[in-house]
Amino acid sequence: SWSKPVSSRLAILSGSALGFIYGPPGCLKTFIALGMGLSFAVGMPDWWGRKIERQGAVVYISSEGQSDLKFRIQAWEQKNQVLSDDSPFYLIRQTINFMKADDVGKLIATVQAIATVAGVKIAAVFVDTVSRTLPGADENLQKDMTLFVAACDAVRQRFGATVIGVHHTSRNGNMRGSTVFPGAGDFLVEVNREEGAMHGSIKATKIKAAEDGWEQHFKVEKIELGDIGGHKSLVVEAINEAPKRSGGIGWPEADVCRQIIAAIDEQWCAGKPWCFANNSSRSAVANIAKRWKIKREVVADMLATWTANDAIEEAERDTKNHIKGYRVTGGIG
């Protein structure tokens, strides 16, 4: 099933192609993909300074089950001062198995129906995430991933559209899975962002039809939507150069930040979450400062920054005993 979300819109890239936006969890690749698609749809002349040469409908397959996509779209609209209610941006909120011919056939029929309703050509189809469309498949097997690429090609060729897969990285930082992915991709865009940082970058690791190797920095901003529910979301926008690390002087290296984030998650899972209160044995500031030998004021700044961009949040871990503390949200990818 497909639906027009509240307040949405879209458009497209030039030509028919297959590409991937990839990065580790929490790097904001979904925010970047959404912003790209929305820029196509509302008829913006460029995306992050790069000319948009083709307009049309965009289909966004969101198989990650993200319930806050409409808030992400609204935040993007608010930041860019654009209303997109009447634009051809369509969400497919269900898992589609790209390994099954029947599912691929239904997808093509659905996209055709969208093209008919929209009255314009299909410009792009986003697949977020690639892994969720491969149930039961082995991403490392060439024969399995060849089927996925074939499914993408069927959509691409049928509609002359660009298909963009949102994908994860492996532990060594490369695109996860078989080499079929980078081999078949006409363009590959890698997203890099330190844990909890309010900035990052994208890098064009491969572009067949143009210059690659360029890097574009971005910053992250939290947007208050101003609705009755008090909802908020993040917006990612391009900047000209890399800013200094959020938090300023004293922050540890990225590996240490990742260790701290992992420790926060471990404490939460163990039922003994580190908390905001300084007079508690579970004080996050005290425990982190002691274990990693970081100044308390720096730890406080790190926690405030991570909370501000939704990398972590304070929540109730045990409702019976009213135990509250920090947990890693994991919902900003």
Protein backbone atom coordinates (compact mmCIF):
# COMPACT_ATOMS: atom_id res chain seq x y z
CA SER A 1 0.00 0.00 0.00
CA TRP A 2 1.14 3.55 -0.61
CA SER A 3 0.01 6.81 0.89
CA LYS A 4 0.47 10.53 0.59
CA PRO A 5 1.97 11.64 3.90
CA VAL A 6 0.84 14.83 5.60
CA SER A 7 2.97 17.68 4.26
CA SER A 8 5.26 16.09 1.68
CA ARG A 9 6.62 16.56 -1.83
CA LEU A 10 9.36 15.58 -4.31
CA ALA A 11 11.39 15.52 -7.57
CA ILE A 12 14.60 13.93 -9.15
CA LEU A 13 18.19 13.39 -10.37
CA SER A 14 19.37 13.39 -13.96
CA GLY A 15 19.00 10.20 -15.96
CA SER A 16 18.37 6.61 -14.99
CA ALA A 17 20.85 5.22 -12.47
CA LEU A 18 21.38 2.99 -9.45
CA GLY A 19 23.15 4.44 -6.45
CA PHE A 20 23.70 3.99 -2.73
CA ILE A 21 23.85 6.30 0.27
CA TYR A 22 25.59 4.35 3.03
CA GLY A 23 27.01 4.75 6.50
CA PRO A 24 26.93 3.38 10.06
CA PRO A 25 23.87 3.54 12.34
CA GLY A 26 23.16 7.03 13.60
CA CYS A 27 25.03 8.84 10.82
CA LEU A 28 21.77 10.49 9.62
CA LYS A 29 21.71 8.86 6.19
CA THR A 30 17.91 8.68 6.20
CA PHE A 31 17.67 12.42 6.94
CA ILE A 32 20.01 13.07 4.03
CA ALA A 33 18.05 10.81 1.68
CA LEU A 34 14.76 12.46 2.68
CA GLY A 35 16.20 15.93 2.19
CA MET A 36 17.51 14.95 -1.21
CA GLY A 37 14.15 13.61 -2.31
CA LEU A 38 12.21 16.56 -0.93
CA SER A 39 14.51 18.97 -2.76
CA PHE A 40 13.77 17.15 -6.01
CA ALA A 41 10.03 17.31 -5.39
CA VAL A 42 9.45 20.91 -4.42
CA GLY A 43 11.23 22.02 -7.55
CA MET A 44 14.36 23.39 -5.94
CA PRO A 45 17.02 24.25 -8.54
CA ASP A 46 19.72 22.43 -6.61
CA TRP A 47 20.44 20.09 -3.72
CA TRP A 48 23.36 21.11 -1.53
CA GLY A 49 24.68 23.27 -4.36
CA ARG A 50 24.41 20.56 -7.01
CA LYS A 51 22.05 21.21 -9.89
CA ILE A 52 18.84 19.18 -10.12
CA GLU A 53 18.21 18.56 -13.79
CA ARG A 54 15.06 16.44 -13.69
CA GLN A 55 11.72 16.72 -11.86
CA GLY A 56 9.06 14.10 -11.18
CA ALA A 57 7.43 11.88 -8.59
CA VAL A 58 9.46 10.22 -5.85
CA VAL A 59 8.60 6.93 -4.18
CA TYR A 60 10.17 6.35 -0.75
CA ILE A 61 10.09 2.76 0.50
CA SER A 62 10.45 3.06 4.27
CA SER A 63 10.72 -0.53 5.49
CA GLU A 64 12.51 0.46 8.72
CA GLY A 65 9.15 1.15 10.36
CA GLN A 66 10.07 4.75 11.26
CA SER A 67 6.99 6.34 12.77
CA ASP A 68 8.51 9.82 12.85
CA LEU A 69 9.08 10.30 9.12
CA LYS A 70 6.27 12.85 8.89
CA PHE A 71 7.96 14.92 11.59
CA ARG A 72 11.26 14.72 9.73
CA ILE A 73 9.53 15.98 6.60
CA GLN A 74 7.79 18.78 8.50
CA ALA A 75 11.09 19.87 10.06
CA TRP A 76 12.70 19.98 6.61
CA GLU A 77 9.81 22.08 5.30
CA GLN A 78 10.02 24.46 8.23
CA LYS A 79 13.76 24.91 7.86
CA ASN A 80 13.52 25.49 4.11
CA GLN A 81 10.32 27.56 4.33
CA VAL A 82 8.60 25.31 1.82
CA LEU A 83 5.10 23.80 1.81
CA SER A 84 4.91 20.50 -0.01
CA ASP A 85 1.33 19.27 0.41
CA ASP A 86 0.64 18.96 -3.30
CA SER A 87 3.94 17.51 -4.45
CA PRO A 88 4.36 13.95 -5.77
CA PHE A 89 6.13 12.37 -2.81
CA TYR A 90 4.79 8.95 -1.84
CA LEU A 91 5.69 6.67 1.06
CA ILE A 92 5.44 2.90 0.92
CA ARG A 93 5.35 1.86 4.56
CA GLN A 94 5.85 -1.87 4.34
CA THR A 95 8.58 -4.42 3.77
CA ILE A 96 9.02 -5.48 0.16
CA ASN A 97 11.08 -8.57 -0.57
CA PHE A 98 13.33 -7.71 -3.49
CA MET A 99 14.33 -11.38 -3.68
CA LYS A 100 10.83 -12.46 -4.76
CA ALA A 101 9.62 -11.87 -8.30
CA ASP A 102 6.00 -11.52 -7.11
CA ASP A 103 6.92 -8.73 -4.70
CA VAL A 104 8.95 -6.93 -7.34
CA GLY A 105 6.02 -7.23 -9.73
CA LYS A 106 3.66 -5.74 -7.14
CA LEU A 107 6.12 -2.92 -6.52
CA ILE A 108 6.29 -2.08 -10.22
CA ALA A 109 2.48 -2.11 -10.40
CA THR A 110 2.29 0.19 -7.36
CA VAL A 111 4.83 2.61 -8.79
CA GLN A 112 2.89 2.63 -12.07
CA ALA A 113 -0.30 3.47 -10.16
CA ILE A 114 1.53 6.31 -8.40
CA ALA A 115 2.76 7.65 -11.75
CA THR A 116 -0.82 7.62 -13.04
CA VAL A 117 -2.20 9.42 -9.99
CA ALA A 118 0.65 11.94 -9.89
CA GLY A 119 0.40 12.64 -13.60
CA VAL A 120 4.17 12.93 -13.92
CA LYS A 121 7.09 10.62 -14.57
CA ILE A 122 8.77 8.76 -11.72
CA ALA A 123 11.99 10.54 -10.95
CA ALA A 124 13.42 8.45 -8.10
CA VAL A 125 12.72 5.43 -5.93
CA PHE A 126 14.41 5.32 -2.52
CA VAL A 127 14.90 1.96 -0.75
CA ASP A 128 15.42 2.54 3.00
CA THR A 129 17.04 0.34 4.07
CA VAL A 130 18.47 -2.17 1.60
CA SER A 131 18.83 -4.82 4.33
CA ARG A 132 15.11 -4.75 5.15
CA THR A 133 14.24 -5.65 1.57
CA LEU A 134 16.42 -8.78 1.71
CA PRO A 135 14.74 -11.08 4.27
CA GLY A 136 16.45 -14.46 4.40
CA ALA A 137 19.17 -13.46 1.94
CA ASP A 138 22.90 -13.44 2.58
CA GLU A 139 24.27 -9.98 1.78
CA ASN A 140 27.73 -11.47 1.26
CA LEU A 141 26.62 -13.90 -1.45
CA GLN A 142 27.07 -12.62 -4.96
CA LYS A 143 24.14 -14.64 -6.34
CA ASP A 144 21.73 -13.21 -3.76
CA MET A 145 22.80 -9.62 -4.22
CA THR A 146 22.70 -10.00 -7.98
CA LEU A 147 18.96 -10.67 -7.58
CA PHE A 148 18.58 -7.46 -5.59
CA VAL A 149 20.40 -5.43 -8.24
CA ALA A 150 18.26 -7.07 -10.94
CA ALA A 151 15.11 -6.00 -9.06
CA CYS A 152 16.39 -2.42 -8.84
CA ASP A 153 17.26 -2.47 -12.52
CA ALA A 154 13.74 -3.67 -13.36
CA VAL A 155 12.28 -0.64 -11.61
CA ARG A 156 14.90 1.70 -13.03
CA GLN A 157 14.44 0.55 -16.61
CA ARG A 158 10.65 0.38 -16.44
CA PHE A 159 10.31 4.01 -15.35
CA GLY A 160 13.59 5.55 -16.46
CA ALA A 161 14.11 6.51 -12.83
CA THR A 162 17.02 6.66 -10.43
CA VAL A 163 16.93 4.01 -7.69
CA ILE A 164 18.75 4.94 -4.49
CA GLY A 165 19.45 2.37 -1.80
CA VAL A 166 20.10 3.48 1.80
CA HIS A 167 22.55 0.96 3.21
CA HIS A 168 24.76 0.19 6.21
CA THR A 169 28.51 -0.16 6.56
CA SER A 170 30.38 -3.19 7.84
CA ARG A 171 32.59 -3.18 10.93
CA ASN A 172 35.60 -2.19 8.85
CA GLY A 173 33.78 0.86 7.52
CA ASN A 174 33.15 -0.35 3.96
CA MET A 175 29.74 -0.80 2.39
CA ARG A 176 28.25 -3.93 3.92
CA GLY A 177 27.77 -7.06 1.84
CA SER A 178 28.90 -8.36 -1.51
CA THR A 179 31.08 -6.40 -3.91
CA VAL A 180 28.09 -6.62 -6.26
CA PHE A 181 26.76 -3.44 -4.59
CA PRO A 182 29.65 -1.06 -5.33
CA GLY A 183 30.21 -2.73 -8.69
CA ALA A 184 26.63 -2.17 -9.83
CA GLY A 185 26.27 1.33 -8.37
CA ASP A 186 26.51 4.28 -10.74
CA PHE A 187 27.19 6.44 -7.70
CA LEU A 188 28.17 5.77 -4.08
CA VAL A 189 27.80 8.39 -1.33
CA GLU A 190 29.36 7.67 2.05
CA VAL A 191 28.04 9.42 5.17
CA ASN A 192 30.44 10.09 8.06
CA ARG A 193 29.49 11.45 11.46
CA GLU A 194 31.03 10.99 14.89
CA GLU A 195 28.79 9.68 17.67
CA GLY A 196 26.56 12.50 18.88
CA ALA A 197 28.27 15.19 16.80
CA MET A 198 26.21 18.05 15.38
CA HIS A 199 28.10 17.90 12.09
CA GLY A 200 29.48 15.39 9.61
CA SER A 201 30.17 14.95 5.91
CA ILE A 202 29.23 13.03 2.81
CA LYS A 203 31.83 11.81 0.35
CA ALA A 204 31.31 10.78 -3.26
CA THR A 205 33.36 7.60 -3.33
CA LYS A 206 32.17 6.77 -6.87
CA ILE A 207 30.33 8.64 -9.62
CA LYS A 208 30.46 7.12 -13.08
CA ALA A 209 29.23 10.11 -15.05
CA ALA A 210 31.03 12.91 -13.21
CA GLU A 211 33.89 13.80 -10.93
CA ASP A 212 34.02 11.83 -7.69
CA GLY A 213 36.13 12.04 -4.55
CA TRP A 214 34.57 15.32 -3.39
CA GLU A 215 33.47 15.79 0.21
CA GLN A 216 30.60 17.95 1.42
CA HIS A 217 30.30 18.90 5.10
CA PHE A 218 26.96 19.26 6.85
CA LYS A 219 25.57 20.47 10.14
CA VAL A 220 22.67 19.14 12.20
CA GLU A 221 19.96 21.32 13.69
CA LYS A 222 17.08 20.39 15.97
CA ILE A 223 13.76 21.92 14.85
CA GLU A 224 10.84 22.51 17.23
CA LEU A 225 7.71 21.87 15.15
CA GLY A 226 5.47 24.00 17.36
CA ASP A 227 2.56 21.54 17.33
CA ILE A 228 0.34 20.60 20.26
CA GLY A 229 2.32 17.41 20.80
CA GLY A 230 5.57 19.28 21.24
CA HIS A 231 7.25 17.25 18.49
CA LYS A 232 10.71 18.00 17.20
CA SER A 233 13.07 16.57 14.62
CA LEU A 234 16.46 17.07 13.06
CA VAL A 235 17.41 18.75 9.82
CA VAL A 236 20.70 18.24 8.00
CA GLU A 237 22.02 21.02 5.77
CA ALA A 238 25.20 21.61 3.81
CA ILE A 239 27.94 23.94 5.02
CA ASN A 240 31.06 25.16 3.25
CA GLU A 241 33.70 23.80 5.60
CA ALA A 242 34.13 21.43 8.52
CA PRO A 243 33.23 23.11 11.82
CA LYS A 244 35.13 22.55 15.01
CA ARG A 245 33.96 19.58 17.03
CA SER A 246 30.79 20.30 19.03
CA GLY A 247 31.63 20.86 22.68
CA GLY A 248 34.92 22.65 22.00
CA ILE A 249 38.07 22.01 23.98
CA GLY A 250 38.51 18.78 25.90
CA TRP A 251 36.36 16.31 24.00
CA PRO A 252 37.97 12.86 23.64
CA GLU A 253 38.66 11.12 20.33
CA ALA A 254 35.85 9.50 18.34
CA ASP A 255 36.71 5.97 19.55
CA VAL A 256 36.35 7.06 23.17
CA CYS A 257 33.03 8.75 22.39
CA ARG A 258 31.81 5.48 20.90
CA GLN A 259 32.96 3.61 24.01
CA ILE A 260 31.00 6.00 26.21
CA ILE A 261 27.87 5.67 24.08
CA ALA A 262 28.22 1.86 24.27
CA ALA A 263 28.64 2.04 28.06
CA ILE A 264 25.49 4.16 28.39
CA ASP A 265 23.63 1.50 26.43
CA GLU A 266 25.08 -1.29 28.60
CA GLN A 267 24.02 0.44 31.80
CA TRP A 268 20.49 0.88 30.43
CA CYS A 269 20.22 -2.76 29.39
CA ALA A 270 21.49 -3.86 32.82
CA GLY A 271 18.69 -1.93 34.50
CA LYS A 272 21.12 0.49 36.17
CA PRO A 273 21.16 3.48 33.81
CA TRP A 274 23.47 6.38 34.42
CA CYS A 275 21.43 9.43 35.30
CA PHE A 276 21.57 13.23 35.32
CA ALA A 277 21.61 13.63 39.13
CA ASN A 278 25.10 14.39 40.42
CA ASN A 279 24.37 13.13 43.96
CA SER A 280 23.54 9.60 42.76
CA SER A 281 25.86 6.60 42.53
CA ARG A 282 24.52 6.30 38.97
CA SER A 283 25.59 9.85 38.05
CA ALA A 284 26.54 9.85 34.37
CA VAL A 285 28.95 12.74 34.79
CA ALA A 286 30.74 11.17 37.76
CA ASN A 287 30.98 7.67 36.28
CA ILE A 288 32.14 8.78 32.84
CA ALA A 289 34.61 11.30 34.25
CA LYS A 290 36.14 8.67 36.52
CA ARG A 291 36.30 5.80 34.01
CA TRP A 292 37.72 7.79 31.09
CA LYS A 293 39.54 10.46 33.08
CA ILE A 294 37.67 13.35 31.45
CA LYS A 295 36.91 16.65 33.17
CA ARG A 296 33.40 16.73 34.62
CA GLU A 297 32.47 19.94 32.80
CA VAL A 298 33.49 18.33 29.49
CA VAL A 299 31.38 15.24 30.23
CA ALA A 300 28.42 17.48 31.05
CA ASP A 301 28.89 19.27 27.73
CA MET A 302 29.07 15.96 25.85
CA LEU A 303 25.88 14.68 27.46
CA ALA A 304 24.09 17.96 26.74
CA THR A 305 25.18 17.86 23.08
CA TRP A 306 24.17 14.23 22.62
CA THR A 307 20.81 14.88 24.26
CA ALA A 308 20.23 17.94 22.07
CA ASN A 309 20.62 15.95 18.86
CA ASP A 310 18.70 12.89 20.14
CA ALA A 311 21.67 10.54 20.29
CA ILE A 312 20.65 9.84 23.89
CA GLU A 313 17.66 10.73 26.04
CA GLU A 314 16.51 10.55 29.63
CA ALA A 315 13.79 7.97 30.15
CA GLU A 316 12.20 5.82 32.84
CA ARG A 317 13.87 2.40 32.91
CA ASP A 318 11.84 0.88 35.78
CA THR A 319 8.32 2.24 36.20
CA LYS A 320 7.69 0.31 39.43
CA ASN A 321 10.73 1.68 41.21
CA HIS A 322 10.80 4.96 39.25
CA ILE A 323 14.37 4.46 38.04
CA LYS A 324 15.30 6.98 35.36
CA GLY A 325 18.45 7.44 33.35
CA TYR A 326 20.07 7.87 29.97
CA ARG A 327 19.46 5.51 27.08
CA VAL A 328 20.77 5.45 23.53
CA THR A 329 17.86 6.26 21.24
CA GLY A 330 19.24 4.73 18.02
CA GLY A 331 16.40 6.39 16.11
CA ILE A 332 18.26 9.08 14.21
CA GLY A 333 19.71 6.96 11.31
